[in-house]
Amino acid sequence: MGKKAAPLNNDNNAAYKEIFTIIADHDEGVISEVLYCIDNPRIFSKKNDDLFDERGINGQTASEFKIKWIGCVEIMLRHGCAVEFDHNVSFDDFYEGFGKLKLVEQRGILPKDDDIYLDYELTNWVSCIDRIWAKSGLCVGCIDIDSDSYVLFVCTVEQLTKLSKLAEDVGRKITRAAEV
């Protein structure tokens, strides 16, 4: 599912900043951490070696491309801008974790659990959420991190289109979670 690494340059850094600014809903504190990560990937990986170790990534030998992507994703997870689930997550764990997303909590937009089909899997649950949110223009996005887990976030459909294009431009993938 992963893409080939795009050459590292300032244009890519600008794309990373834009991607994670949107996902962080323009939270300046989160954005400052993102900027530090993309401007200083080796220092970031050294200071956060445990995060990379947990993913089986050697932060000192991994490509800057990988450090920036995974580092920024970890920042989103740490601040509640995204949530990560294993591919076989239970509905109860999904519902509880998804409800803790910062935008979901701030806007009070978590659908009732009765409105989401309980007998399927994560992609079906997010598809139900997308249908419930359709009139508001919101959807559930997914950041590809080259694993069997799902990194989910909330954005508008318009933002997701932009995020998908920006991610593609830097050799990565962001898509609608229901389409994973």
N, C-alpha and C. Protein backbone atom coordinates (compact mmCIF):
# COMPACT_ATOMS: atom_id res chain seq x y z
N MET A 1 0.82 -1.18 0.00
CA MET A 1 0.00 0.00 0.00
C MET A 1 0.86 1.25 0.00
N GLY A 2 2.09 1.19 0.51
CA GLY A 2 2.97 2.35 0.57
C GLY A 2 3.46 2.76 -0.80
N LYS A 3 3.93 3.97 -0.88
CA LYS A 3 4.42 4.52 -2.13
C LYS A 3 5.93 4.64 -2.07
N LYS A 4 6.55 4.85 -3.24
CA LYS A 4 7.96 5.08 -3.33
C LYS A 4 8.31 6.43 -2.70
N ALA A 5 9.44 6.49 -2.08
CA ALA A 5 9.86 7.73 -1.44
C ALA A 5 10.07 8.83 -2.47
N ALA A 6 9.48 9.98 -2.20
CA ALA A 6 9.68 11.15 -3.04
C ALA A 6 10.98 11.82 -2.60
N PRO A 7 11.68 12.48 -3.53
CA PRO A 7 12.90 13.18 -3.12
C PRO A 7 12.58 14.20 -2.03
N LEU A 8 13.48 14.30 -1.06
CA LEU A 8 13.28 15.27 0.01
C LEU A 8 13.69 16.65 -0.46
N ASN A 9 12.81 17.60 -0.30
CA ASN A 9 13.13 18.99 -0.62
C ASN A 9 12.18 19.90 0.14
N ASN A 10 12.38 21.18 0.02
CA ASN A 10 11.56 22.14 0.75
C ASN A 10 10.10 22.08 0.33
N ASP A 11 9.82 21.74 -0.93
CA ASP A 11 8.43 21.60 -1.37
C ASP A 11 7.74 20.49 -0.59
N ASN A 12 8.46 19.37 -0.39
CA ASN A 12 7.89 18.27 0.39
C ASN A 12 7.65 18.70 1.83
N ASN A 13 8.57 19.48 2.40
CA ASN A 13 8.37 19.96 3.76
C ASN A 13 7.12 20.82 3.84
N ALA A 14 6.89 21.64 2.83
CA ALA A 14 5.69 22.47 2.80
C ALA A 14 4.44 21.59 2.72
N ALA A 15 4.52 20.52 1.94
CA ALA A 15 3.38 19.60 1.82
C ALA A 15 3.12 18.90 3.15
N TYR A 16 4.18 18.44 3.82
CA TYR A 16 4.02 17.82 5.14
C TYR A 16 3.35 18.80 6.10
N LYS A 17 3.83 20.03 6.11
CA LYS A 17 3.26 21.04 7.00
C LYS A 17 1.77 21.23 6.71
N GLU A 18 1.42 21.33 5.43
CA GLU A 18 0.02 21.55 5.07
C GLU A 18 -0.84 20.35 5.46
N ILE A 19 -0.35 19.15 5.18
CA ILE A 19 -1.09 17.93 5.52
C ILE A 19 -1.42 17.91 7.02
N PHE A 20 -0.39 18.06 7.83
CA PHE A 20 -0.59 17.88 9.26
C PHE A 20 -1.21 19.10 9.93
N THR A 21 -1.14 20.25 9.29
CA THR A 21 -1.87 21.42 9.77
C THR A 21 -3.37 21.19 9.62
N ILE A 22 -3.77 20.63 8.50
CA ILE A 22 -5.19 20.33 8.27
C ILE A 22 -5.67 19.27 9.26
N ILE A 23 -4.92 18.19 9.40
CA ILE A 23 -5.33 17.12 10.30
C ILE A 23 -5.38 17.62 11.75
N ALA A 24 -4.48 18.53 12.11
CA ALA A 24 -4.45 19.09 13.47
C ALA A 24 -5.46 20.22 13.65
N ASP A 25 -6.25 20.47 12.64
CA ASP A 25 -7.26 21.53 12.69
C ASP A 25 -6.63 22.87 13.08
N HIS A 26 -5.45 23.12 12.52
CA HIS A 26 -4.73 24.40 12.67
C HIS A 26 -4.34 24.72 14.10
N ASP A 27 -4.17 23.71 14.94
CA ASP A 27 -3.74 23.90 16.32
C ASP A 27 -2.25 24.30 16.32
N GLU A 28 -1.96 25.52 16.74
CA GLU A 28 -0.60 26.05 16.65
C GLU A 28 0.42 25.26 17.48
N GLY A 29 0.02 24.76 18.62
CA GLY A 29 0.92 23.96 19.44
C GLY A 29 1.33 22.67 18.73
N VAL A 30 0.37 22.04 18.11
CA VAL A 30 0.64 20.80 17.37
C VAL A 30 1.50 21.12 16.16
N ILE A 31 1.18 22.19 15.46
CA ILE A 31 1.92 22.57 14.26
C ILE A 31 3.38 22.86 14.58
N SER A 32 3.64 23.47 15.73
CA SER A 32 5.04 23.75 16.09
C SER A 32 5.82 22.45 16.25
N GLU A 33 5.20 21.42 16.81
CA GLU A 33 5.87 20.11 16.92
C GLU A 33 6.10 19.49 15.55
N VAL A 34 5.11 19.63 14.66
CA VAL A 34 5.24 19.11 13.30
C VAL A 34 6.42 19.78 12.60
N LEU A 35 6.50 21.10 12.72
CA LEU A 35 7.60 21.83 12.08
C LEU A 35 8.95 21.38 12.61
N TYR A 36 9.03 21.16 13.90
CA TYR A 36 10.28 20.68 14.48
C TYR A 36 10.65 19.31 13.88
N CYS A 37 9.68 18.44 13.77
CA CYS A 37 9.91 17.10 13.23
C CYS A 37 10.38 17.16 11.78
N ILE A 38 9.71 17.95 10.95
CA ILE A 38 10.08 17.96 9.53
C ILE A 38 11.37 18.75 9.27
N ASP A 39 11.67 19.71 10.14
CA ASP A 39 12.91 20.48 9.96
C ASP A 39 14.12 19.80 10.58
N ASN A 40 13.90 18.93 11.56
CA ASN A 40 14.99 18.28 12.30
C ASN A 40 14.69 16.79 12.50
N PRO A 41 14.49 16.04 11.42
CA PRO A 41 14.05 14.65 11.60
C PRO A 41 15.00 13.77 12.40
N ARG A 42 16.30 13.93 12.23
CA ARG A 42 17.25 13.08 12.98
C ARG A 42 17.22 13.41 14.47
N ILE A 43 17.15 14.68 14.80
CA ILE A 43 17.07 15.08 16.21
C ILE A 43 15.75 14.61 16.81
N PHE A 44 14.65 14.79 16.05
CA PHE A 44 13.34 14.33 16.51
C PHE A 44 13.36 12.83 16.79
N SER A 45 13.94 12.06 15.86
CA SER A 45 13.94 10.60 16.05
C SER A 45 14.79 10.21 17.25
N LYS A 46 15.88 10.92 17.48
CA LYS A 46 16.72 10.60 18.63
C LYS A 46 15.99 10.90 19.94
N LYS A 47 15.28 12.05 19.99
CA LYS A 47 14.54 12.42 21.20
C LYS A 47 13.33 11.54 21.44
N ASN A 48 12.83 10.91 20.37
CA ASN A 48 11.61 10.09 20.44
C ASN A 48 11.88 8.66 20.01
N ASP A 49 13.07 8.19 20.33
CA ASP A 49 13.50 6.86 19.88
C ASP A 49 12.51 5.77 20.28
N ASP A 50 11.89 5.90 21.46
CA ASP A 50 10.95 4.88 21.93
C ASP A 50 9.75 4.75 21.00
N LEU A 51 9.27 5.87 20.44
CA LEU A 51 8.14 5.83 19.50
C LEU A 51 8.47 5.01 18.26
N PHE A 52 9.68 5.20 17.77
CA PHE A 52 10.09 4.47 16.58
C PHE A 52 10.37 3.01 16.91
N ASP A 53 10.99 2.76 18.07
CA ASP A 53 11.26 1.38 18.49
C ASP A 53 9.96 0.57 18.59
N GLU A 54 8.90 1.19 19.13
CA GLU A 54 7.62 0.50 19.26
C GLU A 54 7.06 0.07 17.91
N ARG A 55 7.45 0.76 16.87
CA ARG A 55 6.99 0.43 15.51
C ARG A 55 8.01 -0.42 14.76
N GLY A 56 9.07 -0.81 15.43
CA GLY A 56 10.10 -1.62 14.78
C GLY A 56 10.94 -0.83 13.79
N ILE A 57 11.07 0.47 14.04
CA ILE A 57 11.83 1.35 13.15
C ILE A 57 13.05 1.85 13.90
N ASN A 58 14.21 1.70 13.29
CA ASN A 58 15.43 2.27 13.86
C ASN A 58 15.50 3.72 13.42
N GLY A 59 15.19 4.62 14.33
CA GLY A 59 15.14 6.04 14.01
C GLY A 59 16.45 6.63 13.57
N GLN A 60 17.56 5.96 13.87
CA GLN A 60 18.87 6.48 13.47
C GLN A 60 19.26 6.05 12.06
N THR A 61 18.68 4.94 11.59
CA THR A 61 19.04 4.48 10.23
C THR A 61 17.90 4.60 9.23
N ALA A 62 16.70 4.84 9.72
CA ALA A 62 15.55 4.98 8.82
C ALA A 62 15.72 6.22 7.95
N SER A 63 15.07 6.23 6.80
CA SER A 63 15.15 7.39 5.92
C SER A 63 14.45 8.59 6.56
N GLU A 64 14.89 9.78 6.20
CA GLU A 64 14.24 10.99 6.70
C GLU A 64 12.78 11.01 6.24
N PHE A 65 12.52 10.48 5.07
CA PHE A 65 11.17 10.36 4.52
C PHE A 65 10.27 9.63 5.52
N LYS A 66 10.75 8.48 6.02
CA LYS A 66 9.98 7.67 6.97
C LYS A 66 9.88 8.36 8.32
N ILE A 67 10.99 8.94 8.80
CA ILE A 67 10.99 9.61 10.10
C ILE A 67 9.98 10.75 10.11
N LYS A 68 9.97 11.54 9.06
CA LYS A 68 9.04 12.68 9.01
C LYS A 68 7.59 12.20 9.04
N TRP A 69 7.27 11.21 8.23
CA TRP A 69 5.89 10.73 8.14
C TRP A 69 5.43 10.12 9.45
N ILE A 70 6.21 9.16 9.95
CA ILE A 70 5.83 8.48 11.19
C ILE A 70 5.89 9.46 12.37
N GLY A 71 6.88 10.33 12.38
CA GLY A 71 6.98 11.32 13.45
C GLY A 71 5.77 12.23 13.50
N CYS A 72 5.35 12.73 12.35
CA CYS A 72 4.17 13.61 12.31
C CYS A 72 2.90 12.85 12.68
N VAL A 73 2.79 11.60 12.26
CA VAL A 73 1.64 10.78 12.64
C VAL A 73 1.62 10.61 14.17
N GLU A 74 2.77 10.32 14.75
CA GLU A 74 2.85 10.17 16.21
C GLU A 74 2.42 11.45 16.93
N ILE A 75 2.78 12.59 16.37
CA ILE A 75 2.37 13.87 16.96
C ILE A 75 0.85 13.99 16.90
N MET A 76 0.24 13.61 15.77
CA MET A 76 -1.22 13.66 15.66
C MET A 76 -1.87 12.73 16.68
N LEU A 77 -1.31 11.55 16.87
CA LEU A 77 -1.85 10.59 17.83
C LEU A 77 -1.73 11.13 19.26
N ARG A 78 -0.57 11.69 19.59
CA ARG A 78 -0.32 12.20 20.94
C ARG A 78 -1.29 13.32 21.32
N HIS A 79 -1.68 14.12 20.34
CA HIS A 79 -2.55 15.27 20.62
C HIS A 79 -4.04 15.00 20.37
N GLY A 80 -4.40 13.77 20.05
CA GLY A 80 -5.81 13.43 19.84
C GLY A 80 -6.36 13.90 18.51
N CYS A 81 -5.48 14.27 17.60
CA CYS A 81 -5.93 14.68 16.25
C CYS A 81 -6.18 13.47 15.37
N ALA A 82 -5.64 12.34 15.77
CA ALA A 82 -5.82 11.07 15.07
C ALA A 82 -5.86 9.97 16.13
N VAL A 83 -6.35 8.82 15.72
CA VAL A 83 -6.42 7.67 16.62
C VAL A 83 -6.03 6.44 15.80
N GLU A 84 -5.32 5.52 16.43
CA GLU A 84 -4.85 4.33 15.72
C GLU A 84 -5.54 3.08 16.27
N PHE A 85 -5.96 2.23 15.34
CA PHE A 85 -6.60 0.97 15.71
C PHE A 85 -5.95 -0.18 14.96
N ASP A 86 -5.85 -1.30 15.64
CA ASP A 86 -5.42 -2.54 15.00
C ASP A 86 -6.52 -2.97 14.03
N HIS A 87 -6.16 -3.75 13.03
CA HIS A 87 -7.13 -4.17 12.02
C HIS A 87 -8.28 -5.00 12.58
N ASN A 88 -8.08 -5.63 13.73
CA ASN A 88 -9.15 -6.46 14.30
C ASN A 88 -9.72 -5.88 15.59
N VAL A 89 -9.79 -4.56 15.66
CA VAL A 89 -10.30 -3.88 16.85
C VAL A 89 -11.76 -4.27 17.12
N SER A 90 -12.10 -4.36 18.40
CA SER A 90 -13.50 -4.64 18.76
C SER A 90 -14.31 -3.36 18.59
N PHE A 91 -15.61 -3.50 18.44
CA PHE A 91 -16.46 -2.33 18.28
C PHE A 91 -16.37 -1.42 19.51
N ASP A 92 -16.40 -2.00 20.70
CA ASP A 92 -16.35 -1.18 21.92
C ASP A 92 -15.07 -0.35 21.99
N ASP A 93 -13.93 -0.97 21.67
CA ASP A 93 -12.66 -0.23 21.68
C ASP A 93 -12.64 0.84 20.59
N PHE A 94 -13.18 0.50 19.42
CA PHE A 94 -13.27 1.48 18.34
C PHE A 94 -14.11 2.67 18.77
N TYR A 95 -15.29 2.39 19.28
CA TYR A 95 -16.23 3.45 19.64
C TYR A 95 -15.65 4.36 20.73
N GLU A 96 -15.04 3.75 21.72
CA GLU A 96 -14.44 4.54 22.81
C GLU A 96 -13.27 5.39 22.29
N GLY A 97 -12.38 4.78 21.52
CA GLY A 97 -11.22 5.49 20.99
C GLY A 97 -11.59 6.58 20.00
N PHE A 98 -12.52 6.27 19.11
CA PHE A 98 -12.95 7.26 18.12
C PHE A 98 -13.61 8.46 18.80
N GLY A 99 -14.34 8.19 19.86
CA GLY A 99 -15.00 9.26 20.60
C GLY A 99 -14.04 10.20 21.31
N LYS A 100 -12.79 9.78 21.47
CA LYS A 100 -11.78 10.62 22.13
C LYS A 100 -11.02 11.52 21.15
N LEU A 101 -11.30 11.39 19.85
CA LEU A 101 -10.67 12.31 18.90
C LEU A 101 -11.04 13.74 19.27
N LYS A 102 -10.06 14.62 19.23
CA LYS A 102 -10.28 16.00 19.68
C LYS A 102 -11.45 16.66 18.96
N LEU A 103 -11.51 16.55 17.63
CA LEU A 103 -12.61 17.19 16.88
C LEU A 103 -13.96 16.57 17.20
N VAL A 104 -13.99 15.27 17.42
CA VAL A 104 -15.24 14.59 17.76
C VAL A 104 -15.74 15.09 19.11
N GLU A 105 -14.82 15.18 20.08
CA GLU A 105 -15.19 15.67 21.41
C GLU A 105 -15.60 17.14 21.38
N GLN A 106 -14.79 17.98 20.71
CA GLN A 106 -15.07 19.42 20.67
C GLN A 106 -16.41 19.73 20.02
N ARG A 107 -16.72 19.01 18.97
CA ARG A 107 -17.96 19.29 18.23
C ARG A 107 -19.14 18.45 18.69
N GLY A 108 -18.89 17.49 19.57
CA GLY A 108 -19.97 16.63 20.06
C GLY A 108 -20.66 15.87 18.93
N ILE A 109 -19.85 15.27 18.04
CA ILE A 109 -20.42 14.66 16.82
C ILE A 109 -20.31 13.14 16.78
N LEU A 110 -20.04 12.51 17.90
CA LEU A 110 -19.97 11.05 17.91
C LEU A 110 -21.38 10.49 17.74
N PRO A 111 -21.62 9.74 16.68
CA PRO A 111 -22.95 9.14 16.52
C PRO A 111 -23.25 8.16 17.65
N LYS A 112 -24.50 7.94 17.94
CA LYS A 112 -24.88 6.95 18.94
C LYS A 112 -24.41 5.58 18.46
N ASP A 113 -23.98 4.76 19.39
CA ASP A 113 -23.48 3.45 18.98
C ASP A 113 -24.55 2.62 18.28
N ASP A 114 -25.84 2.87 18.60
CA ASP A 114 -26.93 2.14 17.93
C ASP A 114 -27.00 2.47 16.44
N ASP A 115 -26.46 3.64 16.06
CA ASP A 115 -26.53 4.07 14.66
C ASP A 115 -25.43 3.48 13.80
N ILE A 116 -24.50 2.80 14.44
CA ILE A 116 -23.39 2.18 13.71
C ILE A 116 -23.58 0.67 13.79
N TYR A 117 -23.49 0.01 12.67
CA TYR A 117 -23.67 -1.45 12.66
C TYR A 117 -22.63 -2.11 13.55
N LEU A 118 -23.09 -2.97 14.43
CA LEU A 118 -22.20 -3.58 15.40
C LEU A 118 -21.61 -4.90 14.95
N ASP A 119 -22.11 -5.49 13.90
CA ASP A 119 -21.69 -6.84 13.56
C ASP A 119 -20.74 -6.91 12.37
N TYR A 120 -20.06 -5.84 12.08
CA TYR A 120 -19.12 -5.86 10.96
C TYR A 120 -17.74 -5.49 11.44
N GLU A 121 -16.97 -4.81 10.59
CA GLU A 121 -15.61 -4.43 10.95
C GLU A 121 -15.41 -2.92 10.82
N LEU A 122 -14.23 -2.46 11.14
CA LEU A 122 -13.92 -1.04 11.20
C LEU A 122 -14.33 -0.28 9.93
N THR A 123 -14.03 -0.81 8.77
CA THR A 123 -14.38 -0.07 7.54
C THR A 123 -15.89 0.10 7.41
N ASN A 124 -16.66 -0.84 7.89
CA ASN A 124 -18.11 -0.69 7.87
C ASN A 124 -18.58 0.36 8.89
N TRP A 125 -17.94 0.39 10.05
CA TRP A 125 -18.31 1.37 11.07
C TRP A 125 -18.03 2.79 10.58
N VAL A 126 -16.85 2.99 9.98
CA VAL A 126 -16.54 4.35 9.50
C VAL A 126 -17.41 4.72 8.30
N SER A 127 -17.81 3.73 7.53
CA SER A 127 -18.73 3.98 6.42
C SER A 127 -20.08 4.47 6.96
N CYS A 128 -20.54 3.86 8.04
CA CYS A 128 -21.78 4.32 8.69
C CYS A 128 -21.62 5.75 9.21
N ILE A 129 -20.49 6.03 9.83
CA ILE A 129 -20.24 7.38 10.33
C ILE A 129 -20.23 8.38 9.17
N ASP A 130 -19.58 8.03 8.07
CA ASP A 130 -19.55 8.90 6.89
C ASP A 130 -20.97 9.20 6.41
N ARG A 131 -21.82 8.19 6.38
CA ARG A 131 -23.22 8.40 5.93
C ARG A 131 -23.96 9.33 6.90
N ILE A 132 -23.74 9.13 8.19
CA ILE A 132 -24.39 9.98 9.19
C ILE A 132 -23.91 11.43 9.06
N TRP A 133 -22.64 11.61 8.78
CA TRP A 133 -22.05 12.94 8.68
C TRP A 133 -22.19 13.58 7.30
N ALA A 134 -22.73 12.87 6.33
CA ALA A 134 -22.75 13.34 4.94
C ALA A 134 -23.28 14.76 4.78
N LYS A 135 -24.37 15.08 5.44
CA LYS A 135 -24.96 16.42 5.29
C LYS A 135 -24.05 17.51 5.85
N SER A 136 -23.24 17.18 6.83
CA SER A 136 -22.35 18.19 7.43
C SER A 136 -21.06 18.34 6.64
N GLY A 137 -20.82 17.43 5.69
CA GLY A 137 -19.61 17.51 4.88
C GLY A 137 -18.38 16.91 5.53
N LEU A 138 -18.55 16.25 6.68
CA LEU A 138 -17.43 15.62 7.37
C LEU A 138 -17.26 14.17 6.94
N CYS A 139 -16.05 13.66 7.12
CA CYS A 139 -15.80 12.25 6.83
C CYS A 139 -14.64 11.76 7.69
N VAL A 140 -14.39 10.46 7.64
CA VAL A 140 -13.29 9.85 8.37
C VAL A 140 -12.18 9.54 7.37
N GLY A 141 -11.01 10.12 7.62
CA GLY A 141 -9.85 9.87 6.78
C GLY A 141 -8.93 8.84 7.42
N CYS A 142 -8.03 8.29 6.62
CA CYS A 142 -7.09 7.29 7.10
C CYS A 142 -5.70 7.60 6.54
N ILE A 143 -4.71 7.64 7.42
CA ILE A 143 -3.33 7.86 7.03
C ILE A 143 -2.65 6.50 6.91
N ASP A 144 -2.08 6.21 5.75
CA ASP A 144 -1.37 4.96 5.54
C ASP A 144 0.02 5.06 6.17
N ILE A 145 0.32 4.11 7.06
CA ILE A 145 1.64 4.07 7.69
C ILE A 145 2.35 2.75 7.38
N ASP A 146 1.97 2.11 6.29
CA ASP A 146 2.60 0.86 5.86
C ASP A 146 2.49 -0.24 6.91
N SER A 147 1.31 -0.38 7.51
CA SER A 147 1.08 -1.45 8.47
C SER A 147 -0.37 -1.90 8.34
N ASP A 148 -0.76 -2.86 9.17
CA ASP A 148 -2.15 -3.32 9.11
C ASP A 148 -3.04 -2.58 10.10
N SER A 149 -2.54 -1.49 10.65
CA SER A 149 -3.37 -0.69 11.54
C SER A 149 -3.97 0.49 10.78
N TYR A 150 -4.98 1.07 11.38
CA TYR A 150 -5.68 2.22 10.80
C TYR A 150 -5.39 3.45 11.64
N VAL A 151 -4.93 4.53 11.01
CA VAL A 151 -4.75 5.81 11.69
C VAL A 151 -5.85 6.72 11.15
N LEU A 152 -6.86 6.97 11.99
CA LEU A 152 -8.05 7.69 11.56
C LEU A 152 -8.06 9.12 12.09
N PHE A 153 -8.71 9.99 11.33
CA PHE A 153 -8.89 11.38 11.73
C PHE A 153 -10.17 11.89 11.09
N VAL A 154 -10.61 13.06 11.53
CA VAL A 154 -11.84 13.66 11.02
C VAL A 154 -11.47 14.91 10.22
N CYS A 155 -12.13 15.08 9.07
CA CYS A 155 -11.94 16.29 8.27
C CYS A 155 -13.16 16.45 7.37
N THR A 156 -13.16 17.53 6.60
CA THR A 156 -14.23 17.68 5.62
C THR A 156 -13.88 16.86 4.38
N VAL A 157 -14.88 16.58 3.58
CA VAL A 157 -14.66 15.84 2.34
C VAL A 157 -13.71 16.65 1.44
N GLU A 158 -13.90 17.96 1.41
CA GLU A 158 -13.05 18.84 0.61
C GLU A 158 -11.59 18.76 1.08
N GLN A 159 -11.39 18.79 2.40
CA GLN A 159 -10.04 18.68 2.94
C GLN A 159 -9.42 17.34 2.59
N LEU A 160 -10.21 16.27 2.64
CA LEU A 160 -9.67 14.94 2.34
C LEU A 160 -9.18 14.87 0.90
N THR A 161 -9.90 15.49 -0.01
CA THR A 161 -9.45 15.53 -1.41
C THR A 161 -8.08 16.20 -1.49
N LYS A 162 -7.93 17.30 -0.81
CA LYS A 162 -6.66 18.03 -0.80
C LYS A 162 -5.56 17.20 -0.13
N LEU A 163 -5.88 16.58 1.00
CA LEU A 163 -4.91 15.76 1.71
C LEU A 163 -4.44 14.58 0.86
N SER A 164 -5.35 13.95 0.15
CA SER A 164 -4.99 12.82 -0.71
C SER A 164 -3.99 13.24 -1.77
N LYS A 165 -4.23 14.39 -2.38
CA LYS A 165 -3.33 14.91 -3.42
C LYS A 165 -1.97 15.27 -2.82
N LEU A 166 -1.97 15.98 -1.70
CA LEU A 166 -0.70 16.35 -1.07
C LEU A 166 0.10 15.11 -0.66
N ALA A 167 -0.57 14.12 -0.09
CA ALA A 167 0.12 12.89 0.31
C ALA A 167 0.71 12.19 -0.90
N GLU A 168 -0.04 12.13 -1.96
CA GLU A 168 0.46 11.51 -3.20
C GLU A 168 1.69 12.25 -3.70
N ASP A 169 1.68 13.56 -3.59
CA ASP A 169 2.81 14.37 -4.04
C ASP A 169 4.10 14.06 -3.28
N VAL A 170 3.99 13.59 -2.03
CA VAL A 170 5.18 13.25 -1.24
C VAL A 170 5.37 11.74 -1.13
N GLY A 171 4.70 10.99 -1.99
CA GLY A 171 4.90 9.55 -2.03
C GLY A 171 4.20 8.79 -0.92
N ARG A 172 3.13 9.35 -0.38
CA ARG A 172 2.37 8.71 0.69
C ARG A 172 0.91 8.59 0.31
N LYS A 173 0.11 8.03 1.22
CA LYS A 173 -1.30 7.83 0.92
C LYS A 173 -2.17 8.22 2.10
N ILE A 174 -3.17 9.05 1.81
CA ILE A 174 -4.25 9.38 2.74
C ILE A 174 -5.53 9.20 1.95
N THR A 175 -6.47 8.48 2.53
CA THR A 175 -7.70 8.18 1.81
C THR A 175 -8.87 8.18 2.79
N ARG A 176 -10.04 8.01 2.24
CA ARG A 176 -11.23 7.85 3.07
C ARG A 176 -11.12 6.50 3.77
N ALA A 177 -11.34 6.47 5.07
CA ALA A 177 -11.14 5.23 5.84
C ALA A 177 -12.06 4.11 5.35
N ALA A 178 -13.25 4.45 4.90
CA ALA A 178 -14.18 3.42 4.43
C ALA A 178 -13.68 2.73 3.16
N GLU A 179 -12.70 3.31 2.49
CA GLU A 179 -12.19 2.76 1.23
C GLU A 179 -10.89 1.97 1.41
N VAL A 180 -10.44 1.81 2.65
CA VAL A 180 -9.17 1.11 2.88
C VAL A 180 -9.36 -0.38 2.74
